[in-house]
């Protein structure tokens, strides 16, 4: 894949105290996309989503809406295939 489209497998993480889910981005977002916050098209198990990769503490992440989690039948702790494209 080119530098503007990245594919990886990640564990769905739970945001403390909320019913919010995210995956950590396993590469240097600033190096790959040229910025720390980037709007992307993402696919979680093939289901498309438009959102942003943001820095959270010492890592980069993208949220996974509850509707998509239901659609793909995945929840916190499950591993999913992810594609992000700038």
PDB file of N, CA and C in Angstrom:
ATOM      1  N   UNK A   1       0.835  -1.188   0.000  1.00  0.00           N
ATOM      2  CA  UNK A   1       0.000   0.000   0.000  1.00  0.00           C
ATOM      3  C   UNK A   1       0.878   1.248   0.000  1.00  0.00           C
ATOM      4  N   UNK A   2       0.330   2.315  -0.530  1.00  0.00           N
ATOM      5  CA  UNK A   2       1.126   3.536  -0.543  1.00  0.00           C
ATOM      6  C   UNK A   2       1.059   4.236   0.811  1.00  0.00           C
ATOM      7  N   UNK A   3       1.789   5.325   0.928  1.00  0.00           N
ATOM      8  CA  UNK A   3       1.902   6.017   2.216  1.00  0.00           C
ATOM      9  C   UNK A   3       0.613   6.741   2.613  1.00  0.00           C
ATOM     10  N   UNK A   4      -0.322   6.919   1.692  1.00  0.00           N
ATOM     11  CA  UNK A   4      -1.559   7.607   2.039  1.00  0.00           C
ATOM     12  C   UNK A   4      -2.669   6.621   2.393  1.00  0.00           C
ATOM     13  N   UNK A   5      -2.383   5.330   2.317  1.00  0.00           N
ATOM     14  CA  UNK A   5      -3.347   4.296   2.676  1.00  0.00           C
ATOM     15  C   UNK A   5      -2.598   3.228   3.456  1.00  0.00           C
ATOM     16  N   UNK A   6      -3.060   2.966   4.652  1.00  0.00           N
ATOM     17  CA  UNK A   6      -2.385   2.012   5.532  1.00  0.00           C
ATOM     18  C   UNK A   6      -3.384   0.963   6.011  1.00  0.00           C
ATOM     19  N   UNK A   7      -2.931  -0.287   6.084  1.00  0.00           N
ATOM     20  CA  UNK A   7      -3.772  -1.384   6.543  1.00  0.00           C
ATOM     21  C   UNK A   7      -3.096  -2.055   7.727  1.00  0.00           C
ATOM     22  N   UNK A   8      -3.890  -2.418   8.734  1.00  0.00           N
ATOM     23  CA  UNK A   8      -3.336  -3.075   9.917  1.00  0.00           C
ATOM     24  C   UNK A   8      -4.441  -3.809  10.666  1.00  0.00           C
ATOM     25  N   UNK A   9      -4.045  -4.626  11.606  1.00  0.00           N
ATOM     26  CA  UNK A   9      -4.961  -5.325  12.502  1.00  0.00           C
ATOM     27  C   UNK A   9      -4.792  -4.705  13.875  1.00  0.00           C
ATOM     28  N   UNK A  10      -5.908  -4.477  14.579  1.00  0.00           N
ATOM     29  CA  UNK A  10      -5.830  -3.817  15.885  1.00  0.00           C
ATOM     30  C   UNK A  10      -6.910  -4.346  16.822  1.00  0.00           C
ATOM     31  N   UNK A  11      -6.640  -4.199  18.108  1.00  0.00           N
ATOM     32  CA  UNK A  11      -7.611  -4.566  19.136  1.00  0.00           C
ATOM     33  C   UNK A  11      -8.508  -3.371  19.435  1.00  0.00           C
ATOM     34  N   UNK A  12      -9.803  -3.637  19.561  1.00  0.00           N
ATOM     35  CA  UNK A  12     -10.739  -2.576  19.937  1.00  0.00           C
ATOM     36  C   UNK A  12     -10.558  -2.284  21.422  1.00  0.00           C
ATOM     37  N   UNK A  13     -10.245  -1.039  21.730  1.00  0.00           N
ATOM     38  CA  UNK A  13     -10.019  -0.608  23.112  1.00  0.00           C
ATOM     39  C   UNK A  13     -11.239   0.165  23.610  1.00  0.00           C
ATOM     40  N   UNK A  14     -11.429   0.167  24.928  1.00  0.00           N
ATOM     41  CA  UNK A  14     -12.542   0.886  25.556  1.00  0.00           C
ATOM     42  C   UNK A  14     -12.014   2.145  26.226  1.00  0.00           C
ATOM     43  N   UNK A  15     -12.676   3.264  25.954  1.00  0.00           N
ATOM     44  CA  UNK A  15     -12.326   4.521  26.613  1.00  0.00           C
ATOM     45  C   UNK A  15     -12.831   4.451  28.047  1.00  0.00           C
ATOM     46  N   UNK A  16     -11.965   4.747  28.998  1.00  0.00           N
ATOM     47  CA  UNK A  16     -12.319   4.689  30.423  1.00  0.00           C
ATOM     48  C   UNK A  16     -13.591   5.461  30.739  1.00  0.00           C
ATOM     49  N   UNK A  17     -14.522   4.804  31.417  1.00  0.00           N
ATOM     50  CA  UNK A  17     -15.719   5.463  31.904  1.00  0.00           C
ATOM     51  C   UNK A  17     -16.769   5.789  30.857  1.00  0.00           C
ATOM     52  N   UNK A  18     -16.585   5.317  29.631  1.00  0.00           N
ATOM     53  CA  UNK A  18     -17.536   5.615  28.558  1.00  0.00           C
ATOM     54  C   UNK A  18     -17.787   4.354  27.746  1.00  0.00           C
ATOM     55  N   UNK A  19     -18.901   4.333  27.022  1.00  0.00           N
ATOM     56  CA  UNK A  19     -19.147   3.244  26.078  1.00  0.00           C
ATOM     57  C   UNK A  19     -18.597   3.674  24.723  1.00  0.00           C
ATOM     58  N   UNK A  20     -17.338   4.058  24.711  1.00  0.00           N
ATOM     59  CA  UNK A  20     -16.687   4.545  23.499  1.00  0.00           C
ATOM     60  C   UNK A  20     -15.532   3.619  23.155  1.00  0.00           C
ATOM     61  N   UNK A  21     -15.388   3.338  21.868  1.00  0.00           N
ATOM     62  CA  UNK A  21     -14.355   2.409  21.412  1.00  0.00           C
ATOM     63  C   UNK A  21     -13.415   3.105  20.436  1.00  0.00           C
ATOM     64  N   UNK A  22     -12.193   2.599  20.395  1.00  0.00           N
ATOM     65  CA  UNK A  22     -11.195   3.131  19.473  1.00  0.00           C
ATOM     66  C   UNK A  22     -10.154   2.064  19.191  1.00  0.00           C
ATOM     67  N   UNK A  23      -9.359   2.288  18.147  1.00  0.00           N
ATOM     68  CA  UNK A  23      -8.171   1.469  17.904  1.00  0.00           C
ATOM     69  C   UNK A  23      -6.974   2.400  17.877  1.00  0.00           C
ATOM     70  N   UNK A  24      -5.858   1.891  18.366  1.00  0.00           N
ATOM     71  CA  UNK A  24      -4.613   2.651  18.305  1.00  0.00           C
ATOM     72  C   UNK A  24      -4.010   2.492  16.919  1.00  0.00           C
ATOM     73  N   UNK A  25      -3.409   3.559  16.430  1.00  0.00           N
ATOM     74  CA  UNK A  25      -2.766   3.560  15.117  1.00  0.00           C
ATOM     75  C   UNK A  25      -1.317   3.107  15.306  1.00  0.00           C
ATOM     76  N   UNK A  26      -0.908   2.016  14.640  1.00  0.00           N
ATOM     77  CA  UNK A  26       0.415   1.429  14.895  1.00  0.00           C
ATOM     78  C   UNK A  26       1.558   1.988  14.049  1.00  0.00           C
ATOM     79  N   UNK A  27       1.427   3.231  13.599  1.00  0.00           N
ATOM     80  CA  UNK A  27       2.500   3.841  12.822  1.00  0.00           C
ATOM     81  C   UNK A  27       2.574   5.313  13.180  1.00  0.00           C
ATOM     82  N   UNK A  28       3.643   5.961  12.744  1.00  0.00           N
ATOM     83  CA  UNK A  28       3.840   7.383  13.027  1.00  0.00           C
ATOM     84  C   UNK A  28       2.959   8.207  12.085  1.00  0.00           C
ATOM     85  N   UNK A  29       1.841   8.675  12.592  1.00  0.00           N
ATOM     86  CA  UNK A  29       0.852   9.395  11.790  1.00  0.00           C
ATOM     87  C   UNK A  29       1.451  10.646  11.154  1.00  0.00           C
ATOM     88  N   UNK A  30       2.233  11.386  11.917  1.00  0.00           N
ATOM     89  CA  UNK A  30       2.836  12.611  11.381  1.00  0.00           C
ATOM     90  C   UNK A  30       3.799  12.295  10.237  1.00  0.00           C
ATOM     91  N   UNK A  31       4.555  11.222  10.361  1.00  0.00           N
ATOM     92  CA  UNK A  31       5.498  10.844   9.300  1.00  0.00           C
ATOM     93  C   UNK A  31       4.762  10.365   8.052  1.00  0.00           C
ATOM     94  N   UNK A  32       3.730   9.558   8.224  1.00  0.00           N
ATOM     95  CA  UNK A  32       3.017   8.977   7.090  1.00  0.00           C
ATOM     96  C   UNK A  32       2.095   9.987   6.407  1.00  0.00           C
ATOM     97  N   UNK A  33       1.325  10.754   7.193  1.00  0.00           N
ATOM     98  CA  UNK A  33       0.331  11.655   6.628  1.00  0.00           C
ATOM     99  C   UNK A  33       0.738  13.123   6.652  1.00  0.00           C
ATOM    100  N   UNK A  34       1.852  13.454   7.301  1.00  0.00           N
ATOM    101  CA  UNK A  34       2.361  14.818   7.291  1.00  0.00           C
ATOM    102  C   UNK A  34       1.729  15.763   8.299  1.00  0.00           C
ATOM    103  N   UNK A  35       0.895  15.241   9.187  1.00  0.00           N
ATOM    104  CA  UNK A  35       0.244  16.063  10.199  1.00  0.00           C
ATOM    105  C   UNK A  35      -0.151  15.191  11.382  1.00  0.00           C
ATOM    106  N   UNK A  36      -0.383  15.809  12.531  1.00  0.00           N
ATOM    107  CA  UNK A  36      -0.738  15.043  13.730  1.00  0.00           C
ATOM    108  C   UNK A  36      -2.214  14.678  13.785  1.00  0.00           C
ATOM    109  N   UNK A  37      -3.055  15.526  13.229  1.00  0.00           N
ATOM    110  CA  UNK A  37      -4.498  15.242  13.186  1.00  0.00           C
ATOM    111  C   UNK A  37      -4.886  15.194  11.718  1.00  0.00           C
ATOM    112  N   UNK A  38      -5.529  14.119  11.315  1.00  0.00           N
ATOM    113  CA  UNK A  38      -5.824  13.960   9.895  1.00  0.00           C
ATOM    114  C   UNK A  38      -7.220  13.362   9.707  1.00  0.00           C
ATOM    115  N   UNK A  39      -7.988  13.970   8.809  1.00  0.00           N
ATOM    116  CA  UNK A  39      -9.286  13.412   8.436  1.00  0.00           C
ATOM    117  C   UNK A  39      -9.026  12.261   7.479  1.00  0.00           C
ATOM    118  N   UNK A  40      -9.712  11.145   7.727  1.00  0.00           N
ATOM    119  CA  UNK A  40      -9.485   9.947   6.925  1.00  0.00           C
ATOM    120  C   UNK A  40     -10.800   9.264   6.568  1.00  0.00           C
ATOM    121  N   UNK A  41     -10.701   8.422   5.548  1.00  0.00           N
ATOM    122  CA  UNK A  41     -11.709   7.394   5.307  1.00  0.00           C
ATOM    123  C   UNK A  41     -11.129   6.163   5.970  1.00  0.00           C
ATOM    124  N   UNK A  42     -11.943   5.480   6.726  1.00  0.00           N
ATOM    125  CA  UNK A  42     -11.483   4.266   7.392  1.00  0.00           C
ATOM    126  C   UNK A  42     -12.462   3.147   7.085  1.00  0.00           C
ATOM    127  N   UNK A  43     -11.946   1.930   7.090  1.00  0.00           N
ATOM    128  CA  UNK A  43     -12.778   0.755   6.936  1.00  0.00           C
ATOM    129  C   UNK A  43     -12.474  -0.165   8.103  1.00  0.00           C
ATOM    130  N   UNK A  44     -13.512  -0.519   8.846  1.00  0.00           N
ATOM    131  CA  UNK A  44     -13.396  -1.464   9.949  1.00  0.00           C
ATOM    132  C   UNK A  44     -14.082  -2.744   9.488  1.00  0.00           C
ATOM    133  N   UNK A  45     -13.290  -3.799   9.265  1.00  0.00           N
ATOM    134  CA  UNK A  45     -13.853  -5.057   8.750  1.00  0.00           C
ATOM    135  C   UNK A  45     -14.660  -4.797   7.477  1.00  0.00           C
ATOM    136  N   UNK A  46     -14.197  -3.855   6.648  1.00  0.00           N
ATOM    137  CA  UNK A  46     -14.844  -3.561   5.373  1.00  0.00           C
ATOM    138  C   UNK A  46     -15.962  -2.532   5.425  1.00  0.00           C
ATOM    139  N   UNK A  47     -16.359  -2.079   6.616  1.00  0.00           N
ATOM    140  CA  UNK A  47     -17.426  -1.080   6.752  1.00  0.00           C
ATOM    141  C   UNK A  47     -16.794   0.310   6.780  1.00  0.00           C
ATOM    142  N   UNK A  48     -17.207   1.157   5.841  1.00  0.00           N
ATOM    143  CA  UNK A  48     -16.592   2.480   5.703  1.00  0.00           C
ATOM    144  C   UNK A  48     -17.071   3.465   6.764  1.00  0.00           C
ATOM    145  N   UNK A  49     -16.138   4.330   7.159  1.00  0.00           N
ATOM    146  CA  UNK A  49     -16.394   5.374   8.154  1.00  0.00           C
ATOM    147  C   UNK A  49     -15.514   6.564   7.809  1.00  0.00           C
ATOM    148  N   UNK A  50     -16.012   7.757   7.997  1.00  0.00           N
ATOM    149  CA  UNK A  50     -15.199   8.970   7.829  1.00  0.00           C
ATOM    150  C   UNK A  50     -15.016   9.611   9.191  1.00  0.00           C
ATOM    151  N   UNK A  51     -13.757   9.856   9.539  1.00  0.00           N
ATOM    152  CA  UNK A  51     -13.466  10.428  10.846  1.00  0.00           C
ATOM    153  C   UNK A  51     -12.068  11.004  10.870  1.00  0.00           C
ATOM    154  N   UNK A  52     -11.531  11.172  12.058  1.00  0.00           N
ATOM    155  CA  UNK A  52     -10.197  11.749  12.217  1.00  0.00           C
ATOM    156  C   UNK A  52      -9.329  10.872  13.096  1.00  0.00           C
ATOM    157  N   UNK A  53      -8.066  10.826  12.742  1.00  0.00           N
ATOM    158  CA  UNK A  53      -7.059  10.226  13.612  1.00  0.00           C
ATOM    159  C   UNK A  53      -6.562  11.362  14.496  1.00  0.00           C
ATOM    160  N   UNK A  54      -6.546  11.127  15.801  1.00  0.00           N
ATOM    161  CA  UNK A  54      -6.115  12.151  16.752  1.00  0.00           C
ATOM    162  C   UNK A  54      -5.114  11.561  17.736  1.00  0.00           C
ATOM    163  N   UNK A  55      -4.358  12.439  18.359  1.00  0.00           N
ATOM    164  CA  UNK A  55      -3.404  12.010  19.381  1.00  0.00           C
ATOM    165  C   UNK A  55      -4.127  11.946  20.722  1.00  0.00           C
ATOM    166  N   UNK A  56      -3.917  10.844  21.447  1.00  0.00           N
ATOM    167  CA  UNK A  56      -4.505  10.673  22.767  1.00  0.00           C
ATOM    168  C   UNK A  56      -3.389  10.180  23.685  1.00  0.00           C
ATOM    169  N   UNK A  57      -2.909  11.061  24.542  1.00  0.00           N
ATOM    170  CA  UNK A  57      -1.786  10.681  25.399  1.00  0.00           C
ATOM    171  C   UNK A  57      -0.541  10.440  24.572  1.00  0.00           C
ATOM    172  N   UNK A  58      -0.018   9.228  24.661  1.00  0.00           N
ATOM    173  CA  UNK A  58       1.216   8.908  23.933  1.00  0.00           C
ATOM    174  C   UNK A  58       0.970   8.096  22.668  1.00  0.00           C
ATOM    175  N   UNK A  59      -0.290   8.033  22.194  1.00  0.00           N
ATOM    176  CA  UNK A  59      -0.560   7.274  20.974  1.00  0.00           C
ATOM    177  C   UNK A  59      -1.554   8.023  20.087  1.00  0.00           C
ATOM    178  N   UNK A  60      -1.686   7.560  18.860  1.00  0.00           N
ATOM    179  CA  UNK A  60      -2.696   8.056  17.940  1.00  0.00           C
ATOM    180  C   UNK A  60      -3.831   7.051  17.910  1.00  0.00           C
ATOM    181  N   UNK A  61      -5.057   7.541  17.699  1.00  0.00           N
ATOM    182  CA  UNK A  61      -6.207   6.653  17.693  1.00  0.00           C
ATOM    183  C   UNK A  61      -7.291   7.172  16.763  1.00  0.00           C
ATOM    184  N   UNK A  62      -8.220   6.259  16.433  1.00  0.00           N
ATOM    185  CA  UNK A  62      -9.436   6.633  15.716  1.00  0.00           C
ATOM    186  C   UNK A  62     -10.594   5.915  16.400  1.00  0.00           C
ATOM    187  N   UNK A  63     -11.677   6.645  16.611  1.00  0.00           N
ATOM    188  CA  UNK A  63     -12.852   6.075  17.259  1.00  0.00           C
ATOM    189  C   UNK A  63     -13.627   5.160  16.323  1.00  0.00           C
ATOM    190  N   UNK A  64     -14.346   4.217  16.932  1.00  0.00           N
ATOM    191  CA  UNK A  64     -15.218   3.313  16.181  1.00  0.00           C
ATOM    192  C   UNK A  64     -16.638   3.497  16.717  1.00  0.00           C
ATOM    193  N   UNK A  65     -17.533   4.066  15.913  1.00  0.00           N
ATOM    194  CA  UNK A  65     -18.898   4.285  16.381  1.00  0.00           C
ATOM    195  C   UNK A  65     -19.594   2.982  16.790  1.00  0.00           C
ATOM    196  N   UNK A  66     -20.484   3.103  17.757  1.00  0.00           N
ATOM    197  CA  UNK A  66     -21.223   1.948  18.259  1.00  0.00           C
ATOM    198  C   UNK A  66     -21.998   1.255  17.134  1.00  0.00           C
ATOM    199  N   UNK A  67     -22.563   2.026  16.210  1.00  0.00           N
ATOM    200  CA  UNK A  67     -23.322   1.438  15.103  1.00  0.00           C
ATOM    201  C   UNK A  67     -22.441   0.534  14.242  1.00  0.00           C
ATOM    202  N   UNK A  68     -21.199   0.928  14.023  1.00  0.00           N
ATOM    203  CA  UNK A  68     -20.285   0.090  13.241  1.00  0.00           C
ATOM    204  C   UNK A  68     -19.906  -1.150  14.035  1.00  0.00           C
ATOM    205  N   UNK A  69     -19.673  -1.010  15.327  1.00  0.00           N
ATOM    206  CA  UNK A  69     -19.363  -2.182  16.156  1.00  0.00           C
ATOM    207  C   UNK A  69     -20.493  -3.200  16.090  1.00  0.00           C
ATOM    208  N   UNK A  70     -21.723  -2.719  16.162  1.00  0.00           N
ATOM    209  CA  UNK A  70     -22.875  -3.630  16.056  1.00  0.00           C
ATOM    210  C   UNK A  70     -22.915  -4.283  14.678  1.00  0.00           C
ATOM    211  N   UNK A  71     -22.699  -3.484  13.635  1.00  0.00           N
ATOM    212  CA  UNK A  71     -22.772  -3.988  12.264  1.00  0.00           C
ATOM    213  C   UNK A  71     -21.740  -5.081  11.996  1.00  0.00           C
ATOM    214  N   UNK A  72     -20.529  -4.931  12.543  1.00  0.00           N
ATOM    215  CA  UNK A  72     -19.481  -5.931  12.303  1.00  0.00           C
ATOM    216  C   UNK A  72     -19.462  -7.017  13.378  1.00  0.00           C
ATOM    217  N   UNK A  73     -20.301  -6.870  14.391  1.00  0.00           N
ATOM    218  CA  UNK A  73     -20.395  -7.885  15.439  1.00  0.00           C
ATOM    219  C   UNK A  73     -19.159  -7.975  16.313  1.00  0.00           C
ATOM    220  N   UNK A  74     -18.528  -6.828  16.565  1.00  0.00           N
ATOM    221  CA  UNK A  74     -17.299  -6.802  17.364  1.00  0.00           C
ATOM    222  C   UNK A  74     -17.454  -5.846  18.538  1.00  0.00           C
ATOM    223  N   UNK A  75     -16.689  -6.108  19.601  1.00  0.00           N
ATOM    224  CA  UNK A  75     -16.755  -5.280  20.793  1.00  0.00           C
ATOM    225  C   UNK A  75     -15.364  -5.127  21.400  1.00  0.00           C
ATOM    226  N   UNK A  76     -15.317  -4.529  22.577  1.00  0.00           N
ATOM    227  CA  UNK A  76     -14.053  -4.281  23.262  1.00  0.00           C
ATOM    228  C   UNK A  76     -13.250  -5.577  23.399  1.00  0.00           C
ATOM    229  N   UNK A  77     -11.963  -5.497  23.079  1.00  0.00           N
ATOM    230  CA  UNK A  77     -11.079  -6.648  23.194  1.00  0.00           C
ATOM    231  C   UNK A  77     -10.977  -7.486  21.936  1.00  0.00           C
ATOM    232  N   UNK A  78     -11.910  -7.310  20.996  1.00  0.00           N
ATOM    233  CA  UNK A  78     -11.856  -8.062  19.744  1.00  0.00           C
ATOM    234  C   UNK A  78     -10.811  -7.445  18.813  1.00  0.00           C
ATOM    235  N   UNK A  79     -10.285  -8.271  17.923  1.00  0.00           N
ATOM    236  CA  UNK A  79      -9.309  -7.820  16.933  1.00  0.00           C
ATOM    237  C   UNK A  79     -10.022  -7.628  15.602  1.00  0.00           C
ATOM    238  N   UNK A  80      -9.711  -6.517  14.921  1.00  0.00           N
ATOM    239  CA  UNK A  80     -10.341  -6.226  13.634  1.00  0.00           C
ATOM    240  C   UNK A  80      -9.299  -5.790  12.609  1.00  0.00           C
ATOM    241  N   UNK A  81      -9.690  -5.919  11.330  1.00  0.00           N
ATOM    242  CA  UNK A  81      -8.875  -5.409  10.228  1.00  0.00           C
ATOM    243  C   UNK A  81      -9.288  -3.965   9.973  1.00  0.00           C
ATOM    244  N   UNK A  82      -8.287  -3.098   9.823  1.00  0.00           N
ATOM    245  CA  UNK A  82      -8.529  -1.662   9.657  1.00  0.00           C
ATOM    246  C   UNK A  82      -7.739  -1.154   8.457  1.00  0.00           C
ATOM    247  N   UNK A  83      -8.367  -0.296   7.666  1.00  0.00           N
ATOM    248  CA  UNK A  83      -7.679   0.446   6.606  1.00  0.00           C
ATOM    249  C   UNK A  83      -7.970   1.919   6.854  1.00  0.00           C
ATOM    250  N   UNK A  84      -6.953   2.761   6.791  1.00  0.00           N
ATOM    251  CA  UNK A  84      -7.151   4.208   6.869  1.00  0.00           C
ATOM    252  C   UNK A  84      -6.522   4.843   5.637  1.00  0.00           C
ATOM    253  N   UNK A  85      -7.216   5.824   5.072  1.00  0.00           N
ATOM    254  CA  UNK A  85      -6.763   6.490   3.852  1.00  0.00           C
ATOM    255  C   UNK A  85      -6.995   7.983   3.978  1.00  0.00           C
ATOM    256  N   UNK A  86      -5.955   8.752   3.678  1.00  0.00           N
ATOM    257  CA  UNK A  86      -6.069  10.215   3.716  1.00  0.00           C
ATOM    258  C   UNK A  86      -6.642  10.702   2.407  1.00  0.00           C
TER     259      UNK A  86
END
